[in-house]
Amino acid sequence: MWELVKAGGWLMLPLLLCSIFMLAIAIERFIRLKRNLVLPTQLMMSKSQPSSEVLKALQQNSALEKTSLGAILKDGLDAYAQGEAFARAQMEATASREIGFLEKNINFLGTLSAVAPLLGLLGTVLGIIESFLGMDLGSGSNPTMMIPGLSKALITTAAGMVVAIPALFAFRYFQRLVQEYVAELEQQSTLFHAAFFYQNPTDAKQQNVG
């Protein structure tokens, strides 16, 4: 493996760094974007789990406040005394912050998927140039003089693809996952707001007082 890196020339160093960044970001996002850390089932409102059950879960389990949905709902409840409009604004501000956390470093994966093949292409061009220079400066038209440059060109091209392809897959996967989470966060926040500020204002008031 190390022999391939050396044969690929100096461009293998940035490609190696790209691969390290890609793996680190993909692993970190995979852990951070687990569904129970964003949309815990205990806070998902539905026919089988009405608003009262959600409120009870939020009261009894403080760990839920550290999730994305929990933070939004808790800030909305805390702002109940300031009125419906202020509570909505507070929930929207918290949602924007949480969405920013969810999207963290994902665009960088997209950048890596675009940069890696360009680095590989640059290695290809430099390798071909090196091959022809070797023939011009070498002994006549000996084709063996082209081998080192062509090897460098092929190795950097392959390395660029090896980094770019999984980076692109990871970028598209996490991008789609965040979009789904954002849609569900918006839906659940709207349902929560309507239930506690219009349907069950007494429950919201009791939670705010408590």
N, C-alpha and C. Protein backbone atom coordinates (compact mmCIF):
# COMPACT_ATOMS: atom_id res chain seq x y z
N MET A 1 0.83 -1.21 0.00
CA MET A 1 0.00 0.00 0.00
C MET A 1 0.87 1.26 0.00
N TRP A 2 1.88 1.25 0.87
CA TRP A 2 2.77 2.41 0.94
C TRP A 2 3.54 2.60 -0.35
N GLU A 3 3.84 1.48 -1.04
CA GLU A 3 4.54 1.56 -2.32
C GLU A 3 3.68 2.27 -3.36
N LEU A 4 2.38 2.03 -3.33
CA LEU A 4 1.47 2.71 -4.27
C LEU A 4 1.42 4.20 -3.98
N VAL A 5 1.41 4.53 -2.69
CA VAL A 5 1.37 5.95 -2.31
C VAL A 5 2.63 6.65 -2.80
N LYS A 6 3.79 6.02 -2.62
CA LYS A 6 5.04 6.63 -3.07
C LYS A 6 5.08 6.72 -4.60
N ALA A 7 4.56 5.69 -5.27
CA ALA A 7 4.58 5.69 -6.73
C ALA A 7 3.65 6.75 -7.30
N GLY A 8 2.61 7.12 -6.55
CA GLY A 8 1.66 8.12 -7.04
C GLY A 8 2.18 9.53 -6.97
N GLY A 9 3.27 9.76 -6.25
CA GLY A 9 3.85 11.10 -6.18
C GLY A 9 3.23 11.96 -5.09
N TRP A 10 3.58 13.24 -5.10
CA TRP A 10 3.18 14.14 -4.03
C TRP A 10 1.68 14.38 -3.97
N LEU A 11 0.97 14.18 -5.08
CA LEU A 11 -0.48 14.39 -5.07
C LEU A 11 -1.21 13.34 -4.24
N MET A 12 -0.54 12.25 -3.91
CA MET A 12 -1.17 11.25 -3.07
C MET A 12 -1.37 11.76 -1.65
N LEU A 13 -0.56 12.73 -1.22
CA LEU A 13 -0.71 13.28 0.12
C LEU A 13 -2.05 14.00 0.30
N PRO A 14 -2.43 14.97 -0.58
CA PRO A 14 -3.76 15.58 -0.41
C PRO A 14 -4.89 14.57 -0.61
N LEU A 15 -4.70 13.59 -1.47
CA LEU A 15 -5.73 12.57 -1.64
C LEU A 15 -5.88 11.72 -0.38
N LEU A 16 -4.77 11.44 0.27
CA LEU A 16 -4.81 10.70 1.53
C LEU A 16 -5.52 11.50 2.61
N LEU A 17 -5.24 12.80 2.66
CA LEU A 17 -5.92 13.68 3.62
C LEU A 17 -7.42 13.73 3.34
N CYS A 18 -7.78 13.78 2.07
CA CYS A 18 -9.21 13.78 1.70
C CYS A 18 -9.89 12.51 2.18
N SER A 19 -9.21 11.38 2.04
CA SER A 19 -9.81 10.11 2.47
C SER A 19 -9.99 10.08 3.98
N ILE A 20 -9.03 10.64 4.72
CA ILE A 20 -9.14 10.67 6.18
C ILE A 20 -10.31 11.56 6.61
N PHE A 21 -10.42 12.74 6.00
CA PHE A 21 -11.53 13.64 6.31
C PHE A 21 -12.87 12.99 5.97
N MET A 22 -12.92 12.32 4.83
CA MET A 22 -14.16 11.70 4.40
C MET A 22 -14.61 10.63 5.39
N LEU A 23 -13.70 9.78 5.83
CA LEU A 23 -14.04 8.73 6.78
C LEU A 23 -14.45 9.32 8.13
N ALA A 24 -13.71 10.32 8.59
CA ALA A 24 -14.00 10.92 9.90
C ALA A 24 -15.39 11.57 9.90
N ILE A 25 -15.69 12.33 8.86
CA ILE A 25 -16.99 13.02 8.79
C ILE A 25 -18.12 12.00 8.65
N ALA A 26 -17.94 10.99 7.81
CA ALA A 26 -18.99 9.99 7.60
C ALA A 26 -19.30 9.25 8.90
N ILE A 27 -18.27 8.86 9.64
CA ILE A 27 -18.49 8.16 10.90
C ILE A 27 -19.16 9.07 11.93
N GLU A 28 -18.68 10.32 12.02
CA GLU A 28 -19.26 11.26 12.99
C GLU A 28 -20.72 11.56 12.68
N ARG A 29 -21.04 11.76 11.40
CA ARG A 29 -22.42 12.05 11.01
C ARG A 29 -23.32 10.83 11.20
N PHE A 30 -22.77 9.64 10.95
CA PHE A 30 -23.56 8.42 11.13
C PHE A 30 -23.97 8.26 12.58
N ILE A 31 -23.06 8.59 13.49
CA ILE A 31 -23.36 8.50 14.92
C ILE A 31 -24.32 9.61 15.35
N ARG A 32 -24.05 10.83 14.89
CA ARG A 32 -24.85 11.99 15.32
C ARG A 32 -26.25 11.98 14.74
N LEU A 33 -26.44 11.41 13.58
CA LEU A 33 -27.74 11.46 12.92
C LEU A 33 -28.58 10.21 13.15
N LYS A 34 -28.30 9.51 14.25
CA LYS A 34 -29.19 8.42 14.62
C LYS A 34 -30.56 8.98 14.95
N ARG A 35 -31.58 8.27 14.57
CA ARG A 35 -32.94 8.79 14.69
C ARG A 35 -33.32 9.11 16.13
N ASN A 36 -32.88 8.29 17.08
CA ASN A 36 -33.27 8.54 18.47
C ASN A 36 -32.61 9.78 19.06
N LEU A 37 -31.58 10.32 18.40
CA LEU A 37 -30.97 11.56 18.84
C LEU A 37 -31.59 12.79 18.19
N VAL A 38 -32.43 12.57 17.21
CA VAL A 38 -33.08 13.67 16.49
C VAL A 38 -34.58 13.66 16.74
N LEU A 39 -35.21 12.53 16.51
CA LEU A 39 -36.66 12.40 16.64
C LEU A 39 -37.00 11.20 17.53
N PRO A 40 -36.83 11.33 18.84
CA PRO A 40 -37.15 10.20 19.73
C PRO A 40 -38.63 9.85 19.66
N THR A 41 -38.91 8.57 19.69
CA THR A 41 -40.31 8.12 19.55
C THR A 41 -41.18 8.63 20.69
N GLN A 42 -40.58 8.89 21.85
CA GLN A 42 -41.36 9.36 23.00
C GLN A 42 -41.97 10.74 22.77
N LEU A 43 -41.42 11.51 21.82
CA LEU A 43 -41.91 12.87 21.57
C LEU A 43 -42.65 13.00 20.24
N MET A 44 -42.87 11.87 19.58
CA MET A 44 -43.55 11.91 18.29
C MET A 44 -45.06 11.83 18.52
N MET A 45 -45.76 12.90 18.19
CA MET A 45 -47.20 12.95 18.39
C MET A 45 -47.91 12.17 17.29
N SER A 46 -48.92 11.40 17.71
CA SER A 46 -49.73 10.62 16.77
C SER A 46 -51.05 10.28 17.45
N LYS A 47 -51.91 9.55 16.75
CA LYS A 47 -53.19 9.16 17.34
C LYS A 47 -52.98 8.26 18.55
N SER A 48 -51.96 7.39 18.45
CA SER A 48 -51.69 6.48 19.57
C SER A 48 -50.92 7.17 20.70
N GLN A 49 -50.31 8.31 20.40
CA GLN A 49 -49.57 9.05 21.42
C GLN A 49 -49.98 10.53 21.35
N PRO A 50 -50.99 10.91 22.09
CA PRO A 50 -51.49 12.29 22.06
C PRO A 50 -50.51 13.25 22.73
N SER A 51 -50.88 14.52 22.70
CA SER A 51 -50.00 15.56 23.24
C SER A 51 -49.73 15.38 24.72
N SER A 52 -50.69 14.84 25.46
CA SER A 52 -50.50 14.66 26.90
C SER A 52 -49.38 13.67 27.19
N GLU A 53 -49.26 12.63 26.35
CA GLU A 53 -48.20 11.65 26.53
C GLU A 53 -46.84 12.26 26.21
N VAL A 54 -46.80 13.11 25.20
CA VAL A 54 -45.56 13.79 24.84
C VAL A 54 -45.12 14.69 25.98
N LEU A 55 -46.05 15.43 26.54
CA LEU A 55 -45.75 16.33 27.65
C LEU A 55 -45.23 15.54 28.86
N LYS A 56 -45.86 14.42 29.12
CA LYS A 56 -45.44 13.58 30.24
C LYS A 56 -44.02 13.07 30.04
N ALA A 57 -43.71 12.64 28.83
CA ALA A 57 -42.36 12.14 28.53
C ALA A 57 -41.33 13.24 28.67
N LEU A 58 -41.67 14.45 28.22
CA LEU A 58 -40.75 15.57 28.30
C LEU A 58 -40.51 15.98 29.75
N GLN A 59 -41.52 15.83 30.59
CA GLN A 59 -41.40 16.16 32.02
C GLN A 59 -40.54 15.14 32.77
N GLN A 60 -40.71 13.88 32.42
CA GLN A 60 -40.10 12.81 33.21
C GLN A 60 -38.69 12.43 32.76
N ASN A 61 -38.34 12.77 31.54
CA ASN A 61 -37.03 12.36 31.01
C ASN A 61 -36.28 13.59 30.50
N SER A 62 -35.38 14.11 31.31
CA SER A 62 -34.63 15.31 30.93
C SER A 62 -33.67 15.05 29.77
N ALA A 63 -33.30 13.79 29.55
CA ALA A 63 -32.39 13.46 28.44
C ALA A 63 -33.02 13.77 27.09
N LEU A 64 -34.35 13.76 27.02
CA LEU A 64 -35.04 14.05 25.77
C LEU A 64 -34.83 15.50 25.33
N GLU A 65 -34.54 16.39 26.27
CA GLU A 65 -34.32 17.80 25.93
C GLU A 65 -33.04 17.99 25.12
N LYS A 66 -32.14 17.00 25.16
CA LYS A 66 -30.89 17.10 24.41
C LYS A 66 -31.04 16.67 22.96
N THR A 67 -32.20 16.08 22.62
CA THR A 67 -32.45 15.72 21.23
C THR A 67 -32.92 16.95 20.46
N SER A 68 -32.90 16.86 19.14
CA SER A 68 -33.29 18.01 18.32
C SER A 68 -34.76 18.38 18.55
N LEU A 69 -35.63 17.39 18.47
CA LEU A 69 -37.05 17.67 18.67
C LEU A 69 -37.32 18.10 20.10
N GLY A 70 -36.68 17.46 21.07
CA GLY A 70 -36.88 17.81 22.47
C GLY A 70 -36.48 19.24 22.77
N ALA A 71 -35.38 19.70 22.19
CA ALA A 71 -34.94 21.08 22.41
C ALA A 71 -35.95 22.08 21.86
N ILE A 72 -36.51 21.77 20.71
CA ILE A 72 -37.50 22.66 20.09
C ILE A 72 -38.76 22.74 20.94
N LEU A 73 -39.26 21.59 21.34
CA LEU A 73 -40.49 21.56 22.13
C LEU A 73 -40.30 22.22 23.50
N LYS A 74 -39.18 21.94 24.13
CA LYS A 74 -38.91 22.52 25.46
C LYS A 74 -38.83 24.04 25.40
N ASP A 75 -38.16 24.57 24.40
CA ASP A 75 -38.05 26.03 24.28
C ASP A 75 -39.41 26.65 23.99
N GLY A 76 -40.25 25.94 23.26
CA GLY A 76 -41.60 26.44 23.01
C GLY A 76 -42.42 26.51 24.28
N LEU A 77 -42.31 25.49 25.10
CA LEU A 77 -43.03 25.48 26.37
C LEU A 77 -42.51 26.55 27.33
N ASP A 78 -41.20 26.70 27.37
CA ASP A 78 -40.61 27.70 28.27
C ASP A 78 -41.05 29.12 27.91
N ALA A 79 -41.38 29.32 26.62
CA ALA A 79 -41.78 30.66 26.16
C ALA A 79 -43.30 30.85 26.18
N TYR A 80 -44.02 29.92 26.80
CA TYR A 80 -45.48 29.99 26.79
C TYR A 80 -46.00 31.27 27.43
N ALA A 81 -45.39 31.69 28.52
CA ALA A 81 -45.88 32.87 29.25
C ALA A 81 -45.76 34.15 28.43
N GLN A 82 -44.86 34.17 27.47
CA GLN A 82 -44.66 35.36 26.64
C GLN A 82 -45.64 35.45 25.47
N GLY A 83 -46.49 34.46 25.33
CA GLY A 83 -47.50 34.50 24.30
C GLY A 83 -47.22 33.55 23.15
N GLU A 84 -48.26 33.29 22.38
CA GLU A 84 -48.18 32.31 21.28
C GLU A 84 -47.18 32.72 20.22
N ALA A 85 -47.19 34.00 19.84
CA ALA A 85 -46.29 34.46 18.77
C ALA A 85 -44.83 34.35 19.19
N PHE A 86 -44.54 34.72 20.44
CA PHE A 86 -43.16 34.63 20.92
C PHE A 86 -42.72 33.17 21.01
N ALA A 87 -43.62 32.30 21.47
CA ALA A 87 -43.28 30.89 21.56
C ALA A 87 -43.00 30.30 20.18
N ARG A 88 -43.78 30.68 19.19
CA ARG A 88 -43.56 30.20 17.82
C ARG A 88 -42.19 30.66 17.32
N ALA A 89 -41.89 31.95 17.57
CA ALA A 89 -40.60 32.48 17.14
C ALA A 89 -39.44 31.77 17.82
N GLN A 90 -39.63 31.48 19.10
CA GLN A 90 -38.58 30.78 19.85
C GLN A 90 -38.36 29.37 19.30
N MET A 91 -39.44 28.69 18.98
CA MET A 91 -39.34 27.35 18.42
C MET A 91 -38.67 27.38 17.04
N GLU A 92 -38.99 28.39 16.24
CA GLU A 92 -38.38 28.50 14.92
C GLU A 92 -36.88 28.78 15.03
N ALA A 93 -36.51 29.63 16.00
CA ALA A 93 -35.08 29.93 16.20
C ALA A 93 -34.32 28.68 16.65
N THR A 94 -34.92 27.94 17.56
CA THR A 94 -34.28 26.70 18.03
C THR A 94 -34.19 25.68 16.90
N ALA A 95 -35.24 25.60 16.09
CA ALA A 95 -35.23 24.67 14.96
C ALA A 95 -34.11 25.02 13.98
N SER A 96 -33.92 26.31 13.71
CA SER A 96 -32.84 26.73 12.81
C SER A 96 -31.48 26.31 13.36
N ARG A 97 -31.31 26.46 14.67
CA ARG A 97 -30.05 26.06 15.30
C ARG A 97 -29.84 24.56 15.20
N GLU A 98 -30.89 23.79 15.47
CA GLU A 98 -30.77 22.33 15.43
C GLU A 98 -30.54 21.83 14.00
N ILE A 99 -31.17 22.46 13.03
CA ILE A 99 -30.96 22.07 11.63
C ILE A 99 -29.51 22.34 11.23
N GLY A 100 -28.95 23.44 11.73
CA GLY A 100 -27.55 23.73 11.47
C GLY A 100 -26.64 22.64 12.01
N PHE A 101 -26.97 22.12 13.21
CA PHE A 101 -26.20 21.03 13.79
C PHE A 101 -26.32 19.76 12.94
N LEU A 102 -27.53 19.51 12.43
CA LEU A 102 -27.74 18.31 11.61
C LEU A 102 -26.97 18.38 10.30
N GLU A 103 -26.86 19.58 9.74
CA GLU A 103 -26.20 19.75 8.44
C GLU A 103 -24.69 19.93 8.56
N LYS A 104 -24.18 19.95 9.76
CA LYS A 104 -22.76 20.22 9.99
C LYS A 104 -21.86 19.25 9.21
N ASN A 105 -20.93 19.81 8.43
CA ASN A 105 -19.90 19.08 7.69
C ASN A 105 -20.42 18.27 6.50
N ILE A 106 -21.73 18.23 6.29
CA ILE A 106 -22.23 17.44 5.17
C ILE A 106 -21.82 18.06 3.83
N ASN A 107 -21.88 19.38 3.74
CA ASN A 107 -21.45 20.03 2.49
C ASN A 107 -19.97 19.80 2.22
N PHE A 108 -19.20 19.62 3.30
CA PHE A 108 -17.77 19.36 3.11
C PHE A 108 -17.56 18.00 2.44
N LEU A 109 -18.45 17.03 2.72
CA LEU A 109 -18.40 15.76 2.02
C LEU A 109 -18.62 15.96 0.52
N GLY A 110 -19.56 16.83 0.18
CA GLY A 110 -19.79 17.14 -1.23
C GLY A 110 -18.58 17.78 -1.88
N THR A 111 -17.91 18.65 -1.13
CA THR A 111 -16.70 19.28 -1.64
C THR A 111 -15.60 18.24 -1.88
N LEU A 112 -15.45 17.31 -0.94
CA LEU A 112 -14.44 16.26 -1.10
C LEU A 112 -14.74 15.39 -2.32
N SER A 113 -16.01 15.09 -2.55
CA SER A 113 -16.38 14.25 -3.69
C SER A 113 -16.09 14.95 -5.01
N ALA A 114 -16.04 16.28 -5.00
CA ALA A 114 -15.73 17.04 -6.22
C ALA A 114 -14.23 17.29 -6.37
N VAL A 115 -13.55 17.50 -5.25
CA VAL A 115 -12.12 17.82 -5.30
C VAL A 115 -11.27 16.60 -5.59
N ALA A 116 -11.62 15.45 -5.01
CA ALA A 116 -10.79 14.25 -5.15
C ALA A 116 -10.57 13.84 -6.60
N PRO A 117 -11.61 13.75 -7.45
CA PRO A 117 -11.34 13.38 -8.85
C PRO A 117 -10.54 14.44 -9.61
N LEU A 118 -10.68 15.72 -9.20
CA LEU A 118 -9.88 16.76 -9.84
C LEU A 118 -8.41 16.60 -9.49
N LEU A 119 -8.13 16.23 -8.24
CA LEU A 119 -6.75 15.95 -7.86
C LEU A 119 -6.21 14.75 -8.63
N GLY A 120 -7.07 13.73 -8.79
CA GLY A 120 -6.66 12.58 -9.58
C GLY A 120 -6.40 12.94 -11.03
N LEU A 121 -7.24 13.81 -11.58
CA LEU A 121 -7.05 14.26 -12.97
C LEU A 121 -5.76 15.07 -13.10
N LEU A 122 -5.49 15.90 -12.11
CA LEU A 122 -4.24 16.65 -12.12
C LEU A 122 -3.05 15.70 -12.10
N GLY A 123 -3.14 14.64 -11.30
CA GLY A 123 -2.08 13.64 -11.27
C GLY A 123 -1.92 12.96 -12.62
N THR A 124 -3.04 12.72 -13.30
CA THR A 124 -2.99 12.12 -14.63
C THR A 124 -2.23 13.01 -15.61
N VAL A 125 -2.59 14.29 -15.62
CA VAL A 125 -1.94 15.23 -16.53
C VAL A 125 -0.45 15.34 -16.23
N LEU A 126 -0.11 15.47 -14.96
CA LEU A 126 1.30 15.60 -14.58
C LEU A 126 2.07 14.33 -14.91
N GLY A 127 1.42 13.17 -14.72
CA GLY A 127 2.08 11.92 -15.05
C GLY A 127 2.36 11.78 -16.53
N ILE A 128 1.41 12.17 -17.36
CA ILE A 128 1.60 12.11 -18.81
C ILE A 128 2.69 13.08 -19.25
N ILE A 129 2.68 14.28 -18.68
CA ILE A 129 3.73 15.25 -19.00
C ILE A 129 5.10 14.68 -18.63
N GLU A 130 5.16 14.07 -17.45
CA GLU A 130 6.42 13.48 -17.00
C GLU A 130 6.88 12.38 -17.95
N SER A 131 5.91 11.61 -18.48
CA SER A 131 6.25 10.53 -19.41
C SER A 131 6.90 11.07 -20.68
N PHE A 132 6.29 12.09 -21.26
CA PHE A 132 6.82 12.65 -22.50
C PHE A 132 8.14 13.38 -22.27
N LEU A 133 8.26 14.04 -21.11
CA LEU A 133 9.53 14.68 -20.79
C LEU A 133 10.64 13.64 -20.63
N GLY A 134 10.28 12.49 -20.07
CA GLY A 134 11.26 11.43 -19.90
C GLY A 134 11.77 10.92 -21.23
N MET A 135 10.87 10.83 -22.21
CA MET A 135 11.29 10.39 -23.54
C MET A 135 12.14 11.45 -24.23
N ASP A 136 11.77 12.72 -24.09
CA ASP A 136 12.51 13.79 -24.73
C ASP A 136 13.92 13.91 -24.17
N LEU A 137 14.04 13.74 -22.84
CA LEU A 137 15.34 13.90 -22.20
C LEU A 137 16.12 12.60 -22.11
N GLY A 138 15.45 11.48 -22.43
CA GLY A 138 16.09 10.19 -22.31
C GLY A 138 16.77 9.74 -23.58
N SER A 139 16.96 8.47 -23.66
CA SER A 139 17.69 7.90 -24.80
C SER A 139 16.73 7.58 -25.93
N GLY A 140 16.63 8.46 -26.87
CA GLY A 140 15.82 8.23 -28.06
C GLY A 140 14.35 8.09 -27.75
N SER A 141 13.73 7.08 -28.35
CA SER A 141 12.29 6.85 -28.20
C SER A 141 12.02 5.57 -27.42
N ASN A 142 12.82 5.31 -26.42
CA ASN A 142 12.66 4.12 -25.60
C ASN A 142 11.34 4.20 -24.82
N PRO A 143 10.36 3.33 -25.11
CA PRO A 143 9.05 3.43 -24.45
C PRO A 143 9.09 3.18 -22.95
N THR A 144 10.13 2.51 -22.49
CA THR A 144 10.20 2.23 -21.05
C THR A 144 10.37 3.50 -20.25
N MET A 145 10.82 4.57 -20.90
CA MET A 145 10.99 5.83 -20.19
C MET A 145 9.65 6.43 -19.77
N MET A 146 8.57 5.95 -20.40
CA MET A 146 7.25 6.50 -20.09
C MET A 146 6.58 5.80 -18.91
N ILE A 147 7.12 4.66 -18.51
CA ILE A 147 6.45 3.84 -17.50
C ILE A 147 6.26 4.56 -16.17
N PRO A 148 7.28 5.21 -15.59
CA PRO A 148 7.06 5.88 -14.29
C PRO A 148 5.97 6.94 -14.33
N GLY A 149 5.98 7.75 -15.39
CA GLY A 149 4.97 8.80 -15.49
C GLY A 149 3.57 8.24 -15.68
N LEU A 150 3.45 7.19 -16.50
CA LEU A 150 2.14 6.58 -16.72
C LEU A 150 1.63 5.90 -15.44
N SER A 151 2.54 5.28 -14.70
CA SER A 151 2.14 4.65 -13.44
C SER A 151 1.60 5.70 -12.47
N LYS A 152 2.29 6.83 -12.39
CA LYS A 152 1.84 7.91 -11.52
C LYS A 152 0.46 8.41 -11.95
N ALA A 153 0.27 8.54 -13.27
CA ALA A 153 -1.01 9.03 -13.78
C ALA A 153 -2.14 8.07 -13.41
N LEU A 154 -1.94 6.77 -13.59
CA LEU A 154 -2.98 5.79 -13.31
C LEU A 154 -3.27 5.68 -11.82
N ILE A 155 -2.22 5.72 -11.00
CA ILE A 155 -2.40 5.58 -9.55
C ILE A 155 -3.17 6.75 -8.98
N THR A 156 -2.83 7.98 -9.37
CA THR A 156 -3.54 9.16 -8.85
C THR A 156 -4.98 9.21 -9.33
N THR A 157 -5.20 8.78 -10.58
CA THR A 157 -6.58 8.74 -11.08
C THR A 157 -7.42 7.76 -10.28
N ALA A 158 -6.88 6.56 -10.06
CA ALA A 158 -7.60 5.55 -9.28
C ALA A 158 -7.83 6.03 -7.85
N ALA A 159 -6.81 6.64 -7.25
CA ALA A 159 -6.95 7.12 -5.87
C ALA A 159 -8.04 8.20 -5.77
N GLY A 160 -8.09 9.08 -6.76
CA GLY A 160 -9.12 10.11 -6.77
C GLY A 160 -10.52 9.52 -6.82
N MET A 161 -10.71 8.48 -7.63
CA MET A 161 -12.01 7.82 -7.74
C MET A 161 -12.36 7.08 -6.45
N VAL A 162 -11.35 6.44 -5.85
CA VAL A 162 -11.58 5.68 -4.62
C VAL A 162 -12.07 6.59 -3.49
N VAL A 163 -11.58 7.83 -3.46
CA VAL A 163 -12.02 8.79 -2.45
C VAL A 163 -13.35 9.41 -2.84
N ALA A 164 -13.50 9.78 -4.10
CA ALA A 164 -14.68 10.55 -4.54
C ALA A 164 -15.97 9.74 -4.50
N ILE A 165 -15.92 8.48 -4.89
CA ILE A 165 -17.15 7.69 -5.00
C ILE A 165 -17.82 7.48 -3.64
N PRO A 166 -17.12 6.98 -2.61
CA PRO A 166 -17.79 6.86 -1.30
C PRO A 166 -18.16 8.20 -0.70
N ALA A 167 -17.35 9.25 -0.97
CA ALA A 167 -17.68 10.58 -0.45
C ALA A 167 -18.99 11.08 -1.05
N LEU A 168 -19.19 10.82 -2.34
CA LEU A 168 -20.43 11.24 -3.00
C LEU A 168 -21.63 10.46 -2.47
N PHE A 169 -21.45 9.16 -2.29
CA PHE A 169 -22.53 8.34 -1.73
C PHE A 169 -22.89 8.84 -0.32
N ALA A 170 -21.89 9.09 0.50
CA ALA A 170 -22.14 9.56 1.87
C ALA A 170 -22.82 10.92 1.85
N PHE A 171 -22.37 11.81 0.98
CA PHE A 171 -22.96 13.14 0.89
C PHE A 171 -24.44 13.07 0.53
N ARG A 172 -24.76 12.28 -0.50
CA ARG A 172 -26.15 12.16 -0.93
C ARG A 172 -27.01 11.50 0.15
N TYR A 173 -26.46 10.50 0.82
CA TYR A 173 -27.22 9.79 1.85
C TYR A 173 -27.54 10.72 3.02
N PHE A 174 -26.53 11.40 3.54
CA PHE A 174 -26.75 12.27 4.70
C PHE A 174 -27.59 13.49 4.32
N GLN A 175 -27.42 13.98 3.11
CA GLN A 175 -28.23 15.11 2.65
C GLN A 175 -29.71 14.73 2.62
N ARG A 176 -30.00 13.56 2.08
CA ARG A 176 -31.38 13.08 2.03
C ARG A 176 -31.92 12.81 3.43
N LEU A 177 -31.09 12.23 4.29
CA LEU A 177 -31.52 11.93 5.66
C LEU A 177 -31.87 13.20 6.42
N VAL A 178 -31.06 14.23 6.28
CA VAL A 178 -31.32 15.50 6.96
C VAL A 178 -32.60 16.14 6.43
N GLN A 179 -32.83 16.06 5.13
CA GLN A 179 -34.06 16.60 4.56
C GLN A 179 -35.29 15.92 5.15
N GLU A 180 -35.21 14.62 5.32
CA GLU A 180 -36.34 13.89 5.93
C GLU A 180 -36.52 14.29 7.38
N TYR A 181 -35.41 14.44 8.10
CA TYR A 181 -35.50 14.85 9.50
C TYR A 181 -36.10 16.26 9.63
N VAL A 182 -35.67 17.17 8.76
CA VAL A 182 -36.18 18.54 8.82
C VAL A 182 -37.68 18.57 8.57
N ALA A 183 -38.14 17.79 7.59
CA ALA A 183 -39.58 17.74 7.30
C ALA A 183 -40.36 17.22 8.51
N GLU A 184 -39.84 16.19 9.16
CA GLU A 184 -40.52 15.64 10.34
C GLU A 184 -40.45 16.59 11.53
N LEU A 185 -39.33 17.28 11.69
CA LEU A 185 -39.22 18.26 12.77
C LEU A 185 -40.25 19.38 12.59
N GLU A 186 -40.40 19.85 11.38
CA GLU A 186 -41.38 20.90 11.10
C GLU A 186 -42.79 20.41 11.39
N GLN A 187 -43.08 19.19 10.96
CA GLN A 187 -44.42 18.63 11.18
C GLN A 187 -44.71 18.46 12.66
N GLN A 188 -43.79 17.87 13.39
CA GLN A 188 -44.00 17.63 14.81
C GLN A 188 -44.06 18.94 15.60
N SER A 189 -43.25 19.91 15.22
CA SER A 189 -43.29 21.21 15.91
C SER A 189 -44.62 21.90 15.70
N THR A 190 -45.15 21.82 14.49
CA THR A 190 -46.45 22.43 14.19
C THR A 190 -47.57 21.76 14.98
N LEU A 191 -47.54 20.43 15.01
CA LEU A 191 -48.55 19.69 15.77
C LEU A 191 -48.47 20.02 17.26
N PHE A 192 -47.26 20.09 17.77
CA PHE A 192 -47.06 20.42 19.18
C PHE A 192 -47.59 21.81 19.50
N HIS A 193 -47.24 22.77 18.65
CA HIS A 193 -47.66 24.15 18.86
C HIS A 193 -49.18 24.26 18.86
N ALA A 194 -49.81 23.60 17.90
CA ALA A 194 -51.27 23.66 17.82
C ALA A 194 -51.92 22.99 19.02
N ALA A 195 -51.38 21.87 19.46
CA ALA A 195 -51.98 21.12 20.56
C ALA A 195 -51.88 21.86 21.88
N PHE A 196 -50.71 22.43 22.15
CA PHE A 196 -50.48 23.02 23.47
C PHE A 196 -50.89 24.48 23.57
N PHE A 197 -51.02 25.17 22.45
CA PHE A 197 -51.38 26.58 22.51
C PHE A 197 -52.80 26.86 22.04
N TYR A 198 -53.44 25.83 21.50
CA TYR A 198 -54.81 26.03 21.05
C TYR A 198 -55.75 24.97 21.61
N GLN A 199 -55.36 23.69 21.51
CA GLN A 199 -56.24 22.62 21.97
C GLN A 199 -56.16 22.42 23.48
N ASN A 200 -54.92 22.43 24.02
CA ASN A 200 -54.73 22.14 25.44
C ASN A 200 -53.93 23.24 26.13
N PRO A 201 -54.37 24.48 26.11
CA PRO A 201 -53.60 25.56 26.73
C PRO A 201 -53.40 25.37 28.23
N THR A 202 -54.32 24.70 28.90
CA THR A 202 -54.19 24.49 30.34
C THR A 202 -52.99 23.60 30.65
N ASP A 203 -52.80 22.53 29.86
CA ASP A 203 -51.66 21.64 30.08
C ASP A 203 -50.35 22.37 29.88
N ALA A 204 -50.32 23.22 28.88
CA ALA A 204 -49.08 23.99 28.61
C ALA A 204 -48.81 24.94 29.76
N LYS A 205 -49.84 25.55 30.28
CA LYS A 205 -49.66 26.50 31.37
C LYS A 205 -49.14 25.79 32.62
N GLN A 206 -49.71 24.62 32.90
CA GLN A 206 -49.27 23.85 34.06
C GLN A 206 -47.81 23.44 33.93
N GLN A 207 -47.41 23.05 32.70
CA GLN A 207 -46.01 22.66 32.48
C GLN A 207 -45.09 23.87 32.66
N ASN A 208 -45.53 25.03 32.20
CA ASN A 208 -44.70 26.23 32.31
C ASN A 208 -44.56 26.65 33.76
N VAL A 209 -45.63 26.51 34.50
CA VAL A 209 -45.58 26.88 35.92
C VAL A 209 -44.69 25.91 36.69
N GLY A 210 -44.84 24.61 36.34
CA GLY A 210 -44.06 23.60 37.05
C GLY A 210 -42.59 23.70 36.75
